[in-house]
Protein backbone atom coordinates (compact mmCIF):
# COMPACT_ATOMS: atom_id res chain seq x y z
CA UNK A 1 -82.88 60.84 237.55
CA UNK A 2 -80.74 59.98 234.53
CA UNK A 3 -82.35 61.40 231.37
CA UNK A 4 -81.91 59.75 227.98
CA UNK A 5 -82.90 61.21 224.62
CA UNK A 6 -84.10 58.35 222.40
CA UNK A 7 -84.12 59.20 218.68
CA UNK A 8 -85.58 56.61 216.26
CA UNK A 9 -88.29 56.72 213.60
CA UNK A 10 -89.01 52.99 214.04
CA UNK A 11 -91.75 53.06 216.67
CA UNK A 12 -91.46 49.36 217.56
CA UNK A 13 -87.73 49.53 218.20
CA UNK A 14 -88.07 52.81 220.08
CA UNK A 15 -90.76 51.34 222.33
CA UNK A 16 -88.65 48.23 222.97
CA UNK A 17 -85.66 50.34 223.98
CA UNK A 18 -87.93 52.56 226.07
CA UNK A 19 -89.22 49.57 228.06
CA UNK A 20 -85.74 48.29 228.91
CA UNK A 21 -84.38 51.74 229.74
CA UNK A 22 -87.30 52.58 232.03
CA UNK A 23 -87.08 49.18 233.75
CA UNK A 24 -83.55 50.17 234.81
CA UNK A 25 -84.83 53.42 236.31
CA UNK A 26 -83.90 55.89 233.56
CA UNK A 27 -86.18 58.57 232.18
CA UNK A 28 -86.59 58.76 228.40
CA UNK A 29 -87.71 61.48 226.00
CA UNK A 30 -88.49 60.23 222.50
CA UNK A 31 -88.05 61.85 219.09
CA UNK A 32 -88.81 60.40 215.64
CA UNK A 33 -86.39 62.44 213.53
CA UNK A 34 -83.24 64.51 213.86
CA UNK A 35 -84.90 67.92 213.71
CA UNK A 36 -87.33 67.06 216.49
CA UNK A 37 -84.45 65.61 218.52
CA UNK A 38 -82.34 68.73 218.03
CA UNK A 39 -85.18 70.93 219.28
CA UNK A 40 -85.54 68.76 222.38
CA UNK A 41 -81.78 68.71 222.94
CA UNK A 42 -81.63 72.51 222.83
CA UNK A 43 -84.52 72.82 225.28
CA UNK A 44 -83.66 70.19 227.91
CA UNK A 45 -80.66 68.65 229.64
CA UNK A 46 -79.86 64.99 228.94
CA UNK A 47 -77.24 62.53 230.18
CA UNK A 48 -77.06 60.29 227.09
CA UNK A 49 -78.44 60.03 223.55
CA UNK A 50 -79.51 56.80 221.83
CA UNK A 51 -79.53 57.58 218.13
CA UNK A 52 -80.77 55.87 214.96
CA UNK A 53 -78.88 56.57 211.73
CA UNK A 54 -81.51 56.52 208.97
CA UNK A 55 -84.32 58.96 209.77
CA UNK A 56 -86.47 61.50 207.89
CA UNK A 57 -85.78 65.26 207.79
CA UNK A 58 -82.37 64.98 209.51
CA UNK A 59 -80.44 61.71 209.77
CA UNK A 60 -78.42 60.55 212.75
CA UNK A 61 -75.03 61.64 211.42
CA UNK A 62 -76.15 65.21 210.77
CA UNK A 63 -77.83 65.35 214.18
CA UNK A 64 -74.60 64.08 215.78
CA UNK A 65 -72.57 66.77 214.00
CA UNK A 66 -74.94 69.48 215.31
CA UNK A 67 -74.76 68.16 218.88
CA UNK A 68 -70.96 67.96 218.80
CA UNK A 69 -70.76 71.67 218.05
CA UNK A 70 -71.82 72.41 221.62
CA UNK A 71 -71.77 69.23 223.70
CA UNK A 72 -69.73 66.11 224.50
CA UNK A 73 -72.74 64.15 225.79
CA UNK A 74 -72.30 60.37 225.26
CA UNK A 75 -73.98 59.17 222.06
CA UNK A 76 -74.84 55.53 221.33
CA UNK A 77 -75.77 54.89 217.69
CA UNK A 78 -78.20 52.04 217.03
CA UNK A 79 -78.19 51.22 213.32
CA UNK A 80 -78.97 48.54 210.75
CA UNK A 81 -75.81 49.54 208.85
CA UNK A 82 -73.37 46.69 209.42
CA UNK A 83 -70.34 47.60 207.29
CA UNK A 84 -67.01 48.47 208.91
CA UNK A 85 -66.89 51.76 207.00
CA UNK A 86 -70.34 52.67 208.34
CA UNK A 87 -69.09 52.13 211.90
CA UNK A 88 -65.94 54.14 211.20
CA UNK A 89 -68.00 56.97 209.72
CA UNK A 90 -70.20 57.05 212.80
CA UNK A 91 -67.22 57.08 215.16
CA UNK A 92 -65.48 59.76 213.11
CA UNK A 93 -68.59 61.94 213.25
CA UNK A 94 -68.57 61.87 217.05
CA UNK A 95 -70.51 58.78 218.10
CA UNK A 96 -69.12 57.15 221.26
CA UNK A 97 -70.45 53.63 220.70
CA UNK A 98 -72.20 51.68 217.94
CA UNK A 99 -74.57 48.71 218.15
CA UNK A 100 -76.17 46.93 215.18
CA UNK A 101 -79.86 46.16 214.74
CA UNK A 102 -81.25 43.68 215.59
CA UNK A 103 -79.54 43.80 218.98
CA UNK A 104 -79.67 41.94 222.25
CA UNK A 105 -81.47 44.26 224.71
CA UNK A 106 -79.16 43.12 227.52
CA UNK A 107 -76.12 44.14 225.46
CA UNK A 108 -77.79 47.47 224.72
CA UNK A 109 -78.30 48.13 228.42
CA UNK A 110 -74.71 47.10 229.21
CA UNK A 111 -73.42 49.61 226.67
CA UNK A 112 -75.71 52.35 228.02
CA UNK A 113 -74.48 51.76 231.57
CA UNK A 114 -70.84 51.73 230.44
CA UNK A 115 -71.26 55.07 228.65
CA UNK A 116 -72.99 56.60 231.67
CA UNK A 117 -70.20 55.38 233.99
CA UNK A 118 -67.56 56.91 231.77
CA UNK A 119 -69.41 60.21 231.58
CA UNK A 120 -69.35 60.67 235.34
CA UNK A 121 -67.26 63.82 235.58
CA UNK A 122 -66.88 63.92 239.35
CA UNK A 123 -65.12 60.73 240.41
CA UNK A 124 -62.93 61.87 243.33
CA UNK A 125 -60.12 59.41 242.54
CA UNK A 126 -59.64 60.95 239.09
CA UNK A 127 -60.34 64.63 239.75
CA UNK A 128 -56.83 65.97 239.19
CA UNK A 129 -55.52 67.73 236.10
CA UNK A 130 -52.71 66.36 233.94
CA UNK A 131 -50.60 68.05 231.30
CA UNK A 132 -49.94 66.73 227.78
CA UNK A 133 -47.64 69.09 225.94
CA UNK A 134 -49.39 72.50 225.95
CA UNK A 135 -52.77 70.97 226.82
CA UNK A 136 -54.27 70.87 230.31
CA UNK A 137 -56.60 67.89 230.77
CA UNK A 138 -59.01 68.21 233.68
CA UNK A 139 -60.77 65.00 234.71
CA UNK A 140 -63.24 66.67 237.04
CA UNK A 141 -64.58 69.13 234.47
CA UNK A 142 -63.91 66.78 231.53
CA UNK A 143 -62.18 69.56 229.58
CA UNK A 144 -59.05 69.88 227.46
CA UNK A 145 -57.64 73.42 227.42
CA UNK A 146 -54.72 75.26 225.89
CA UNK A 147 -54.58 78.66 227.56
CA UNK A 148 -58.11 80.01 227.02
CA UNK A 149 -59.02 77.69 224.14
CA UNK A 150 -61.16 74.58 224.67
CA UNK A 151 -60.60 71.49 222.52
CA UNK A 152 -63.84 69.57 222.10
CA UNK A 153 -63.48 65.79 222.36
CA UNK A 154 -66.09 63.05 222.58
CA UNK A 155 -66.37 61.18 225.88
CA UNK A 156 -64.25 58.29 224.63
CA UNK A 157 -61.67 60.50 222.95
CA UNK A 158 -61.27 62.32 226.25
CA UNK A 159 -60.85 59.07 228.19
CA UNK A 160 -58.15 57.85 225.79
CA UNK A 161 -56.25 61.14 225.98
CA UNK A 162 -56.55 61.24 229.78
CA UNK A 163 -55.36 57.63 230.10
CA UNK A 164 -52.24 58.25 228.02
CA UNK A 165 -51.51 61.62 229.65
CA UNK A 166 -51.92 60.27 233.17
CA UNK A 167 -49.36 57.53 232.47
CA UNK A 168 -46.78 59.45 230.45
CA UNK A 169 -44.07 57.32 228.89
CA UNK A 170 -46.03 54.09 229.12
CA UNK A 171 -46.97 52.45 225.83
CA UNK A 172 -50.55 51.21 225.69
CA UNK A 173 -51.57 48.65 223.09
CA UNK A 174 -54.89 49.06 221.28
CA UNK A 175 -56.29 46.17 223.33
CA UNK A 176 -55.24 47.79 226.62
CA UNK A 177 -56.77 51.14 225.60
CA UNK A 178 -60.00 49.46 224.53
CA UNK A 179 -60.28 47.48 227.76
CA UNK A 180 -59.55 50.54 229.90
CA UNK A 181 -61.91 52.92 228.08
CA UNK A 182 -64.67 50.66 226.75
CA UNK A 183 -64.40 48.24 229.70
CA UNK A 184 -64.81 45.31 227.34
CA UNK A 185 -62.52 42.57 226.03
CA UNK A 186 -60.06 44.18 223.62
CA UNK A 187 -59.48 41.46 221.00
CA UNK A 188 -60.06 42.87 217.50
CA UNK A 189 -60.23 46.45 218.76
CA UNK A 190 -57.29 47.87 216.80
CA UNK A 191 -59.35 49.61 214.11
CA UNK A 192 -61.75 51.21 216.60
CA UNK A 193 -58.91 52.58 218.74
CA UNK A 194 -57.01 53.74 215.66
CA UNK A 195 -60.01 55.81 214.49
CA UNK A 196 -60.33 57.46 217.91
CA UNK A 197 -56.58 58.20 218.11
CA UNK A 198 -56.76 59.74 214.63
CA UNK A 199 -59.68 61.93 215.71
CA UNK A 200 -57.83 63.12 218.81
CA UNK A 201 -54.70 63.94 216.83
CA UNK A 202 -56.68 65.89 214.25
CA UNK A 203 -58.36 68.01 216.92
CA UNK A 204 -55.13 68.69 218.81
CA UNK A 205 -53.16 69.43 215.63
CA UNK A 206 -55.80 71.94 214.60
CA UNK A 207 -54.73 73.98 217.63
CA UNK A 208 -50.99 73.16 217.74
CA UNK A 209 -50.05 71.85 214.27
CA UNK A 210 -46.30 71.73 214.92
CA UNK A 211 -46.34 69.43 217.95
CA UNK A 212 -46.96 65.67 218.16
CA UNK A 213 -48.77 64.80 221.38
CA UNK A 214 -49.65 61.13 220.89
CA UNK A 215 -46.77 59.02 219.55
CA UNK A 216 -47.17 55.71 217.74
CA UNK A 217 -44.80 52.94 218.77
CA UNK A 218 -45.05 50.75 215.69
CA UNK A 219 -46.15 47.21 216.41
CA UNK A 220 -46.76 48.02 220.07
CA UNK A 221 -49.22 50.87 220.66
CA UNK A 222 -49.45 54.54 221.66
CA UNK A 223 -47.95 56.82 224.28
CA UNK A 224 -47.60 60.43 225.41
CA UNK A 225 -44.07 61.38 226.43
CA UNK A 226 -44.37 64.88 227.92
């Protein structure tokens, strides 16, 4: 059974999410603050995290940072913060998707299912490894390696890198990347994709600072050449 860690100090919202998630056959474990959630995360295995931002003791961003030190589990942030910079901050911290309160429960479930689909590491049709510069990208194990060193990417960062590496030389627009990775209509997606590309570059450059892996084709999109 798919296990979801639900982290929110608003009991009413948590119970609403819990009802919809359980109706779709998922199992939920609930936490009311980041510290409690981190304890649960370290004790059990989960497939996805639904995370509130503003919580007592440890907020959602700090919790996300702690989780990203050891895991690339999909994280969906559910927050009342509506500003573009708030969304960018969440994505930069390691969140895979972001939905604003109050939300449509059907949209919430669609986003949960999309994240779970993308986190399926064992799809036979995409189990091969591809090379991007010095990095080996393995779809089956969902890892990015350079020799013995592992580069930790979020689920969506990995999917973007894998997409570009699998189709070397092809230029993908922001809309095409968004539609392929998020599986949603890509209009207005440029900023979201740009933040993810920036995150990927930063993590790869931290290992190989002298080499550009993802190239920008100005006015068109992004590509990997070798």
